[in-house]
Structures are given as C-alpha cells and as structure tokens.
PDB file of N, CA and C in Angstrom:
ATOM      1  N   MET A   1     -63.237  18.669  23.177  1.00  0.00           N
ATOM      2  CA  MET A   1     -63.262  19.894  22.814  1.00  0.00           C
ATOM      3  C   MET A   1     -64.687  20.456  22.251  1.00  0.00           C
ATOM      4  N   ASP A   2     -65.093  21.564  22.556  1.00  0.00           N
ATOM      5  CA  ASP A   2     -66.341  22.130  22.163  1.00  0.00           C
ATOM      6  C   ASP A   2     -66.087  22.655  20.645  1.00  0.00           C
ATOM      7  N   LEU A   3     -66.828  22.012  19.679  1.00  0.00           N
ATOM      8  CA  LEU A   3     -66.610  22.175  18.320  1.00  0.00           C
ATOM      9  C   LEU A   3     -67.112  23.503  17.813  1.00  0.00           C
ATOM     10  N   ASN A   4     -67.799  24.234  18.716  1.00  0.00           N
ATOM     11  CA  ASN A   4     -68.532  25.537  18.333  1.00  0.00           C
ATOM     12  C   ASN A   4     -67.344  26.787  18.606  1.00  0.00           C
ATOM     13  N   ARG A   5     -66.256  26.323  19.109  1.00  0.00           N
ATOM     14  CA  ARG A   5     -65.325  27.395  19.337  1.00  0.00           C
ATOM     15  C   ARG A   5     -64.355  27.823  18.165  1.00  0.00           C
ATOM     16  N   LEU A   6     -64.087  28.997  18.007  1.00  0.00           N
ATOM     17  CA  LEU A   6     -63.241  29.484  16.896  1.00  0.00           C
ATOM     18  C   LEU A   6     -61.703  29.315  17.426  1.00  0.00           C
ATOM     19  N   ILE A   7     -60.954  28.806  16.485  1.00  0.00           N
ATOM     20  CA  ILE A   7     -59.492  28.703  16.525  1.00  0.00           C
ATOM     21  C   ILE A   7     -58.806  29.715  15.754  1.00  0.00           C
ATOM     22  N   THR A   8     -57.825  30.387  16.170  1.00  0.00           N
ATOM     23  CA  THR A   8     -56.994  31.276  15.389  1.00  0.00           C
ATOM     24  C   THR A   8     -55.623  30.746  15.161  1.00  0.00           C
ATOM     25  N   VAL A   9     -55.252  30.645  13.976  1.00  0.00           N
ATOM     26  CA  VAL A   9     -53.895  30.345  13.562  1.00  0.00           C
ATOM     27  C   VAL A   9     -53.204  31.493  13.100  1.00  0.00           C
ATOM     28  N   ALA A  10     -52.151  31.921  13.841  1.00  0.00           N
ATOM     29  CA  ALA A  10     -51.332  33.155  13.580  1.00  0.00           C
ATOM     30  C   ALA A  10     -50.061  32.891  13.051  1.00  0.00           C
ATOM     31  N   ILE A  11     -49.600  33.606  11.922  1.00  0.00           N
ATOM     32  CA  ILE A  11     -48.328  33.501  11.367  1.00  0.00           C
ATOM     33  C   ILE A  11     -47.675  34.856  11.276  1.00  0.00           C
ATOM     34  N   PRO A  12     -46.658  35.138  12.026  1.00  0.00           N
ATOM     35  CA  PRO A  12     -45.897  36.338  11.736  1.00  0.00           C
ATOM     36  C   PRO A  12     -44.900  36.070  10.727  1.00  0.00           C
ATOM     37  N   THR A  13     -44.574  36.980   9.790  1.00  0.00           N
ATOM     38  CA  THR A  13     -43.671  36.942   8.694  1.00  0.00           C
ATOM     39  C   THR A  13     -42.876  38.117   8.373  1.00  0.00           C
ATOM     40  N   HIS A  14     -41.726  38.035   7.985  1.00  0.00           N
ATOM     41  CA  HIS A  14     -40.923  39.122   7.468  1.00  0.00           C
ATOM     42  C   HIS A  14     -40.163  38.661   6.168  1.00  0.00           C
ATOM     43  N   ASN A  15     -40.546  39.157   5.130  1.00  0.00           N
ATOM     44  CA  ASN A  15     -39.843  38.924   3.909  1.00  0.00           C
ATOM     45  C   ASN A  15     -39.487  37.588   3.456  1.00  0.00           C
ATOM     46  N   ARG A  16     -40.465  36.615   3.731  1.00  0.00           N
ATOM     47  CA  ARG A  16     -40.128  35.210   3.502  1.00  0.00           C
ATOM     48  C   ARG A  16     -41.144  34.517   2.494  1.00  0.00           C
ATOM     49  N   VAL A  17     -41.555  35.344   1.543  1.00  0.00           N
ATOM     50  CA  VAL A  17     -42.636  35.126   0.647  1.00  0.00           C
ATOM     51  C   VAL A  17     -42.609  33.650   0.135  1.00  0.00           C
ATOM     52  N   ALA A  18     -41.515  33.100  -0.250  1.00  0.00           N
ATOM     53  CA  ALA A  18     -41.491  31.683  -0.717  1.00  0.00           C
ATOM     54  C   ALA A  18     -41.952  30.709   0.232  1.00  0.00           C
ATOM     55  N   VAL A  19     -41.369  30.805   1.409  1.00  0.00           N
ATOM     56  CA  VAL A  19     -41.650  29.897   2.586  1.00  0.00           C
ATOM     57  C   VAL A  19     -43.048  29.982   3.071  1.00  0.00           C
ATOM     58  N   LEU A  20     -43.587  31.188   2.935  1.00  0.00           N
ATOM     59  CA  LEU A  20     -44.916  31.518   3.392  1.00  0.00           C
ATOM     60  C   LEU A  20     -45.891  30.906   2.361  1.00  0.00           C
ATOM     61  N   ARG A  21     -45.578  31.154   1.031  1.00  0.00           N
ATOM     62  CA  ARG A  21     -46.395  30.458  -0.072  1.00  0.00           C
ATOM     63  C   ARG A  21     -46.505  28.957   0.182  1.00  0.00           C
ATOM     64  N   GLU A  22     -45.395  28.310   0.377  1.00  0.00           N
ATOM     65  CA  GLU A  22     -45.397  26.877   0.664  1.00  0.00           C
ATOM     66  C   GLU A  22     -46.393  26.490   1.735  1.00  0.00           C
ATOM     67  N   THR A  23     -46.084  27.288   2.938  1.00  0.00           N
ATOM     68  CA  THR A  23     -47.010  26.974   4.149  1.00  0.00           C
ATOM     69  C   THR A  23     -48.513  27.218   3.861  1.00  0.00           C
ATOM     70  N   LEU A  24     -48.843  28.237   3.156  1.00  0.00           N
ATOM     71  CA  LEU A  24     -50.293  28.396   2.878  1.00  0.00           C
ATOM     72  C   LEU A  24     -50.852  27.398   1.912  1.00  0.00           C
ATOM     73  N   GLU A  25     -49.977  26.973   0.936  1.00  0.00           N
ATOM     74  CA  GLU A  25     -50.467  25.937   0.083  1.00  0.00           C
ATOM     75  C   GLU A  25     -50.762  24.796   0.825  1.00  0.00           C
ATOM     76  N   ARG A  26     -49.867  24.376   1.826  1.00  0.00           N
ATOM     77  CA  ARG A  26     -50.224  23.161   2.583  1.00  0.00           C
ATOM     78  C   ARG A  26     -51.475  23.362   3.482  1.00  0.00           C
ATOM     79  N   LEU A  27     -51.471  24.531   3.933  1.00  0.00           N
ATOM     80  CA  LEU A  27     -52.851  24.714   4.777  1.00  0.00           C
ATOM     81  C   LEU A  27     -54.152  24.543   3.904  1.00  0.00           C
ATOM     82  N   THR A  28     -54.059  24.907   2.634  1.00  0.00           N
ATOM     83  CA  THR A  28     -55.239  24.759   1.702  1.00  0.00           C
ATOM     84  C   THR A  28     -55.712  23.220   1.721  1.00  0.00           C
ATOM     85  N   ARG A  29     -54.743  22.326   1.843  1.00  0.00           N
ATOM     86  CA  ARG A  29     -54.992  20.958   1.718  1.00  0.00           C
ATOM     87  C   ARG A  29     -55.263  20.329   3.109  1.00  0.00           C
ATOM     88  N   MET A  30     -55.416  21.175   4.134  1.00  0.00           N
ATOM     89  CA  MET A  30     -55.472  20.556   5.477  1.00  0.00           C
ATOM     90  C   MET A  30     -57.035  20.023   5.583  1.00  0.00           C
ATOM     91  N   SER A  31     -57.161  19.007   6.193  1.00  0.00           N
ATOM     92  CA  SER A  31     -58.628  18.542   6.589  1.00  0.00           C
ATOM     93  C   SER A  31     -59.043  19.152   7.920  1.00  0.00           C
ATOM     94  N   VAL A  32     -60.089  19.873   7.910  1.00  0.00           N
ATOM     95  CA  VAL A  32     -60.636  20.513   8.984  1.00  0.00           C
ATOM     96  C   VAL A  32     -61.978  19.663   9.397  1.00  0.00           C
ATOM     97  N   PRO A  33     -61.926  19.127  10.735  1.00  0.00           N
ATOM     98  CA  PRO A  33     -63.292  18.389  11.081  1.00  0.00           C
ATOM     99  C   PRO A  33     -64.530  19.301  10.968  1.00  0.00           C
ATOM    100  N   ASP A  34     -65.700  18.648  10.704  1.00  0.00           N
ATOM    101  CA  ASP A  34     -66.829  19.333  10.763  1.00  0.00           C
ATOM    102  C   ASP A  34     -67.090  20.111  12.002  1.00  0.00           C
ATOM    103  N   GLY A  35     -67.710  21.162  12.035  1.00  0.00           N
ATOM    104  CA  GLY A  35     -67.914  21.885  13.264  1.00  0.00           C
ATOM    105  C   GLY A  35     -66.986  22.698  13.803  1.00  0.00           C
ATOM    106  N   VAL A  36     -65.700  22.559  13.351  1.00  0.00           N
ATOM    107  CA  VAL A  36     -64.560  23.327  13.759  1.00  0.00           C
ATOM    108  C   VAL A  36     -64.420  24.599  12.763  1.00  0.00           C
ATOM    109  N   ALA A  37     -64.483  25.741  13.531  1.00  0.00           N
ATOM    110  CA  ALA A  37     -64.263  27.163  12.781  1.00  0.00           C
ATOM    111  C   ALA A  37     -62.830  27.428  13.099  1.00  0.00           C
ATOM    112  N   TRP A  38     -62.260  28.002  12.032  1.00  0.00           N
ATOM    113  CA  TRP A  38     -60.774  28.635  12.219  1.00  0.00           C
ATOM    114  C   TRP A  38     -60.727  29.878  11.297  1.00  0.00           C
ATOM    115  N   GLU A  39     -59.693  30.597  11.784  1.00  0.00           N
ATOM    116  CA  GLU A  39     -59.268  31.657  10.959  1.00  0.00           C
ATOM    117  C   GLU A  39     -57.701  31.761  10.949  1.00  0.00           C
ATOM    118  N   LEU A  40     -57.213  32.280   9.812  1.00  0.00           N
ATOM    119  CA  LEU A  40     -55.707  32.284   9.727  1.00  0.00           C
ATOM    120  C   LEU A  40     -55.433  33.896   9.610  1.00  0.00           C
ATOM    121  N   LEU A  41     -54.535  34.305  10.440  1.00  0.00           N
ATOM    122  CA  LEU A  41     -53.956  35.658  10.511  1.00  0.00           C
ATOM    123  C   LEU A  41     -52.631  35.629  10.082  1.00  0.00           C
ATOM    124  N   VAL A  42     -52.166  36.340   9.060  1.00  0.00           N
ATOM    125  CA  VAL A  42     -50.918  36.539   8.592  1.00  0.00           C
ATOM    126  C   VAL A  42     -50.309  37.969   8.830  1.00  0.00           C
ATOM    127  N   ALA A  43     -49.518  38.108   9.967  1.00  0.00           N
ATOM    128  CA  ALA A  43     -49.047  39.461  10.353  1.00  0.00           C
ATOM    129  C   ALA A  43     -47.764  39.690   9.543  1.00  0.00           C
ATOM    130  N   GLN A  44     -47.892  40.585   8.555  1.00  0.00           N
ATOM    131  CA  GLN A  44     -46.753  41.097   7.856  1.00  0.00           C
ATOM    132  C   GLN A  44     -45.905  42.060   8.578  1.00  0.00           C
ATOM    133  N   ASN A  45     -44.733  41.619   8.851  1.00  0.00           N
ATOM    134  CA  ASN A  45     -43.912  42.389   9.853  1.00  0.00           C
ATOM    135  C   ASN A  45     -42.871  43.209   9.104  1.00  0.00           C
ATOM    136  N   HIS A  46     -43.218  44.447   8.821  1.00  0.00           N
ATOM    137  CA  HIS A  46     -42.278  45.412   8.127  1.00  0.00           C
ATOM    138  C   HIS A  46     -41.777  44.769   6.845  1.00  0.00           C
ATOM    139  N   CYS A  47     -42.844  44.085   5.956  1.00  0.00           N
ATOM    140  CA  CYS A  47     -42.394  43.356   4.948  1.00  0.00           C
ATOM    141  C   CYS A  47     -42.079  44.291   3.683  1.00  0.00           C
ATOM    142  N   THR A  48     -41.059  44.004   2.929  1.00  0.00           N
ATOM    143  CA  THR A  48     -40.816  44.898   1.755  1.00  0.00           C
ATOM    144  C   THR A  48     -40.762  43.932   0.417  1.00  0.00           C
ATOM    145  N   ASP A  49     -41.110  42.836   0.603  1.00  0.00           N
ATOM    146  CA  ASP A  49     -41.136  41.882  -0.637  1.00  0.00           C
ATOM    147  C   ASP A  49     -42.578  41.808  -1.217  1.00  0.00           C
ATOM    148  N   ASP A  50     -42.967  40.752  -1.879  1.00  0.00           N
ATOM    149  CA  ASP A  50     -44.253  40.571  -2.464  1.00  0.00           C
ATOM    150  C   ASP A  50     -45.257  39.710  -1.489  1.00  0.00           C
ATOM    151  N   THR A  51     -45.109  39.815  -0.282  1.00  0.00           N
ATOM    152  CA  THR A  51     -45.920  39.077   0.645  1.00  0.00           C
ATOM    153  C   THR A  51     -47.406  39.499   0.449  1.00  0.00           C
ATOM    154  N   ALA A  52     -47.594  40.869   0.440  1.00  0.00           N
ATOM    155  CA  ALA A  52     -48.938  41.343   0.415  1.00  0.00           C
ATOM    156  C   ALA A  52     -49.804  40.862  -0.903  1.00  0.00           C
ATOM    157  N   ALA A  53     -49.110  40.873  -2.060  1.00  0.00           N
ATOM    158  CA  ALA A  53     -49.692  40.464  -3.189  1.00  0.00           C
ATOM    159  C   ALA A  53     -49.818  38.904  -3.324  1.00  0.00           C
ATOM    160  N   MET A  54     -49.016  38.122  -2.698  1.00  0.00           N
ATOM    161  CA  MET A  54     -49.169  36.699  -2.576  1.00  0.00           C
ATOM    162  C   MET A  54     -50.308  36.305  -1.694  1.00  0.00           C
ATOM    163  N   LEU A  55     -50.547  37.208  -0.696  1.00  0.00           N
ATOM    164  CA  LEU A  55     -51.656  36.850   0.280  1.00  0.00           C
ATOM    165  C   LEU A  55     -53.045  37.047  -0.391  1.00  0.00           C
ATOM    166  N   VAL A  56     -53.083  37.953  -1.298  1.00  0.00           N
ATOM    167  CA  VAL A  56     -54.361  38.142  -2.043  1.00  0.00           C
ATOM    168  C   VAL A  56     -54.674  36.905  -2.923  1.00  0.00           C
ATOM    169  N   GLU A  57     -53.646  36.204  -3.392  1.00  0.00           N
ATOM    170  CA  GLU A  57     -53.830  35.018  -4.155  1.00  0.00           C
ATOM    171  C   GLU A  57     -54.560  33.929  -3.300  1.00  0.00           C
ATOM    172  N   PHE A  58     -54.354  33.870  -2.073  1.00  0.00           N
ATOM    173  CA  PHE A  58     -54.826  32.840  -1.167  1.00  0.00           C
ATOM    174  C   PHE A  58     -56.046  33.352  -0.376  1.00  0.00           C
ATOM    175  N   ALA A  59     -56.503  34.452  -0.563  1.00  0.00           N
ATOM    176  CA  ALA A  59     -57.612  35.067   0.216  1.00  0.00           C
ATOM    177  C   ALA A  59     -58.977  34.247  -0.151  1.00  0.00           C
ATOM    178  N   SER A  60     -59.107  33.722  -1.299  1.00  0.00           N
ATOM    179  CA  SER A  60     -60.234  32.948  -1.564  1.00  0.00           C
ATOM    180  C   SER A  60     -60.278  31.513  -1.245  1.00  0.00           C
ATOM    181  N   ARG A  61     -59.067  31.099  -0.872  1.00  0.00           N
ATOM    182  CA  ARG A  61     -58.915  29.647  -0.688  1.00  0.00           C
ATOM    183  C   ARG A  61     -58.763  29.377   0.952  1.00  0.00           C
ATOM    184  N   LEU A  62     -58.441  30.370   1.703  1.00  0.00           N
ATOM    185  CA  LEU A  62     -58.260  30.056   3.091  1.00  0.00           C
ATOM    186  C   LEU A  62     -59.070  31.289   3.936  1.00  0.00           C
ATOM    187  N   PRO A  63     -59.453  30.917   5.067  1.00  0.00           N
ATOM    188  CA  PRO A  63     -60.067  31.958   5.969  1.00  0.00           C
ATOM    189  C   PRO A  63     -59.057  32.931   6.479  1.00  0.00           C
ATOM    190  N   LEU A  64     -58.427  33.712   5.428  1.00  0.00           N
ATOM    191  CA  LEU A  64     -57.297  34.454   5.701  1.00  0.00           C
ATOM    192  C   LEU A  64     -57.619  35.996   6.025  1.00  0.00           C
ATOM    193  N   ARG A  65     -56.947  36.511   6.986  1.00  0.00           N
ATOM    194  CA  ARG A  65     -56.820  38.032   7.134  1.00  0.00           C
ATOM    195  C   ARG A  65     -55.361  38.472   7.244  1.00  0.00           C
ATOM    196  N   ALA A  66     -55.171  39.362   6.397  1.00  0.00           N
ATOM    197  CA  ALA A  66     -53.591  39.922   6.369  1.00  0.00           C
ATOM    198  C   ALA A  66     -53.587  41.095   7.230  1.00  0.00           C
ATOM    199  N   LEU A  67     -52.688  41.160   8.138  1.00  0.00           N
ATOM    200  CA  LEU A  67     -52.334  42.283   9.127  1.00  0.00           C
ATOM    201  C   LEU A  67     -51.156  42.860   8.578  1.00  0.00           C
ATOM    202  N   THR A  68     -50.985  44.145   8.772  1.00  0.00           N
ATOM    203  CA  THR A  68     -49.731  44.826   8.663  1.00  0.00           C
ATOM    204  C   THR A  68     -49.233  45.435   9.767  1.00  0.00           C
ATOM    205  N   GLU A  69     -47.847  44.976  10.293  1.00  0.00           N
ATOM    206  CA  GLU A  69     -47.295  45.604  11.542  1.00  0.00           C
ATOM    207  C   GLU A  69     -46.003  46.330  10.928  1.00  0.00           C
ATOM    208  N   PRO A  70     -46.029  47.666  10.907  1.00  0.00           N
ATOM    209  CA  PRO A  70     -44.925  48.306  10.258  1.00  0.00           C
ATOM    210  C   PRO A  70     -43.628  48.294  11.191  1.00  0.00           C
ATOM    211  N   ARG A  71     -43.770  48.069  12.457  1.00  0.00           N
ATOM    212  CA  ARG A  71     -42.677  47.965  13.369  1.00  0.00           C
ATOM    213  C   ARG A  71     -41.888  46.755  13.300  1.00  0.00           C
ATOM    214  N   PRO A  72     -40.599  46.809  12.986  1.00  0.00           N
ATOM    215  CA  PRO A  72     -39.854  45.527  12.880  1.00  0.00           C
ATOM    216  C   PRO A  72     -39.662  44.822  14.216  1.00  0.00           C
ATOM    217  N   GLY A  73     -39.732  43.500  14.194  1.00  0.00           N
ATOM    218  CA  GLY A  73     -39.623  42.714  15.352  1.00  0.00           C
ATOM    219  C   GLY A  73     -40.763  41.683  15.514  1.00  0.00           C
ATOM    220  N   VAL A  74     -40.373  40.448  15.694  1.00  0.00           N
ATOM    221  CA  VAL A  74     -41.468  39.316  15.693  1.00  0.00           C
ATOM    222  C   VAL A  74     -42.326  39.568  16.877  1.00  0.00           C
ATOM    223  N   ASN A  75     -41.800  40.141  18.025  1.00  0.00           N
ATOM    224  CA  ASN A  75     -42.930  40.408  19.047  1.00  0.00           C
ATOM    225  C   ASN A  75     -44.045  41.324  18.670  1.00  0.00           C
ATOM    226  N   PHE A  76     -43.678  42.444  17.914  1.00  0.00           N
ATOM    227  CA  PHE A  76     -44.774  43.377  17.400  1.00  0.00           C
ATOM    228  C   PHE A  76     -45.634  42.624  16.550  1.00  0.00           C
ATOM    229  N   ALA A  77     -45.124  41.664  15.557  1.00  0.00           N
ATOM    230  CA  ALA A  77     -46.115  40.864  14.740  1.00  0.00           C
ATOM    231  C   ALA A  77     -46.984  40.025  15.554  1.00  0.00           C
ATOM    232  N   ARG A  78     -46.256  39.342  16.507  1.00  0.00           N
ATOM    233  CA  ARG A  78     -47.120  38.369  17.265  1.00  0.00           C
ATOM    234  C   ARG A  78     -48.186  39.158  18.097  1.00  0.00           C
ATOM    235  N   ASN A  79     -47.986  40.344  18.718  1.00  0.00           N
ATOM    236  CA  ASN A  79     -48.785  41.115  19.476  1.00  0.00           C
ATOM    237  C   ASN A  79     -50.046  41.538  18.581  1.00  0.00           C
ATOM    238  N   ALA A  80     -49.609  41.873  17.253  1.00  0.00           N
ATOM    239  CA  ALA A  80     -50.660  42.420  16.369  1.00  0.00           C
ATOM    240  C   ALA A  80     -51.653  41.290  16.088  1.00  0.00           C
ATOM    241  N   ALA A  81     -51.175  40.109  15.988  1.00  0.00           N
ATOM    242  CA  ALA A  81     -51.901  38.979  15.729  1.00  0.00           C
ATOM    243  C   ALA A  81     -52.888  38.622  16.851  1.00  0.00           C
ATOM    244  N   VAL A  82     -52.405  38.769  18.074  1.00  0.00           N
ATOM    245  CA  VAL A  82     -53.090  38.539  19.240  1.00  0.00           C
ATOM    246  C   VAL A  82     -54.169  39.606  19.417  1.00  0.00           C
ATOM    247  N   ASP A  83     -53.889  40.771  19.078  1.00  0.00           N
ATOM    248  CA  ASP A  83     -54.840  41.874  19.269  1.00  0.00           C
ATOM    249  C   ASP A  83     -56.112  41.684  18.159  1.00  0.00           C
ATOM    250  N   ALA A  84     -55.697  41.212  16.981  1.00  0.00           N
ATOM    251  CA  ALA A  84     -56.744  41.058  15.900  1.00  0.00           C
ATOM    252  C   ALA A  84     -57.513  39.656  16.025  1.00  0.00           C
ATOM    253  N   ALA A  85     -56.909  38.582  16.852  1.00  0.00           N
ATOM    254  CA  ALA A  85     -57.569  37.336  16.827  1.00  0.00           C
ATOM    255  C   ALA A  85     -58.863  37.397  17.333  1.00  0.00           C
ATOM    256  N   ARG A  86     -59.809  36.633  16.687  1.00  0.00           N
ATOM    257  CA  ARG A  86     -61.128  36.415  17.170  1.00  0.00           C
ATOM    258  C   ARG A  86     -61.343  35.056  17.776  1.00  0.00           C
ATOM    259  N   GLY A  87     -60.434  34.197  17.778  1.00  0.00           N
ATOM    260  CA  GLY A  87     -60.660  32.898  18.358  1.00  0.00           C
ATOM    261  C   GLY A  87     -60.469  32.867  19.728  1.00  0.00           C
ATOM    262  N   GLU A  88     -60.966  31.793  20.384  1.00  0.00           N
ATOM    263  CA  GLU A  88     -60.776  31.587  21.801  1.00  0.00           C
ATOM    264  C   GLU A  88     -59.388  31.030  21.970  1.00  0.00           C
ATOM    265  N   TYR A  89     -58.979  30.319  21.071  1.00  0.00           N
ATOM    266  CA  TYR A  89     -57.637  29.613  21.098  1.00  0.00           C
ATOM    267  C   TYR A  89     -56.805  30.225  19.974  1.00  0.00           C
ATOM    268  N   ILE A  90     -55.413  30.477  20.298  1.00  0.00           N
ATOM    269  CA  ILE A  90     -54.585  31.113  19.222  1.00  0.00           C
ATOM    270  C   ILE A  90     -53.368  30.239  19.203  1.00  0.00           C
TER     271      ILE A  90
END
C-alpha cells in the first residue's frame, strides 16, 4: 500500500450519541502507522440529540470533520460522507 494516500473513515449516525462517543473514544486510542494519513467524517443524519456538542469535544483529538445531513435516511448520510470525503479510499 502506498503510504502517501489519504484514507477516509466515514460514520453515519442518527441520535446515538452514547454509542458514537464510545466509538470515537476507541478511535483516539488507535495506532496509526507512520506515513498513513486519515480523516474521520461523522455524518449526522437528522440528529436531534447532543451529537453535535459531543463531536466538538473530540475535534482536537481526532482528524474529525462533522457533516450535517438534514434528510432522514442512512443512504443520505452515506452519500453526504462520500461527497465530502477527501481520501482515495473510504
């Protein structure tokens, strides 16, 4: 694998702040090999809970970009992430 390529990790979510917090906490402990660049996209899909505020807490600990998809449906969230992704691999 060419280590100069950017990898995008995309997580669509809808009102699952507790589960998402646990996932992001585990991602902060992930060991990333030298030379590997990655970004984390969290697509908030019609969220009405505290997801946005929780993502702010993790913004300094992860290469995180928060996306907002107002239309309900996981496919809308996935497509928003694909559209915003900068990585060669998603």
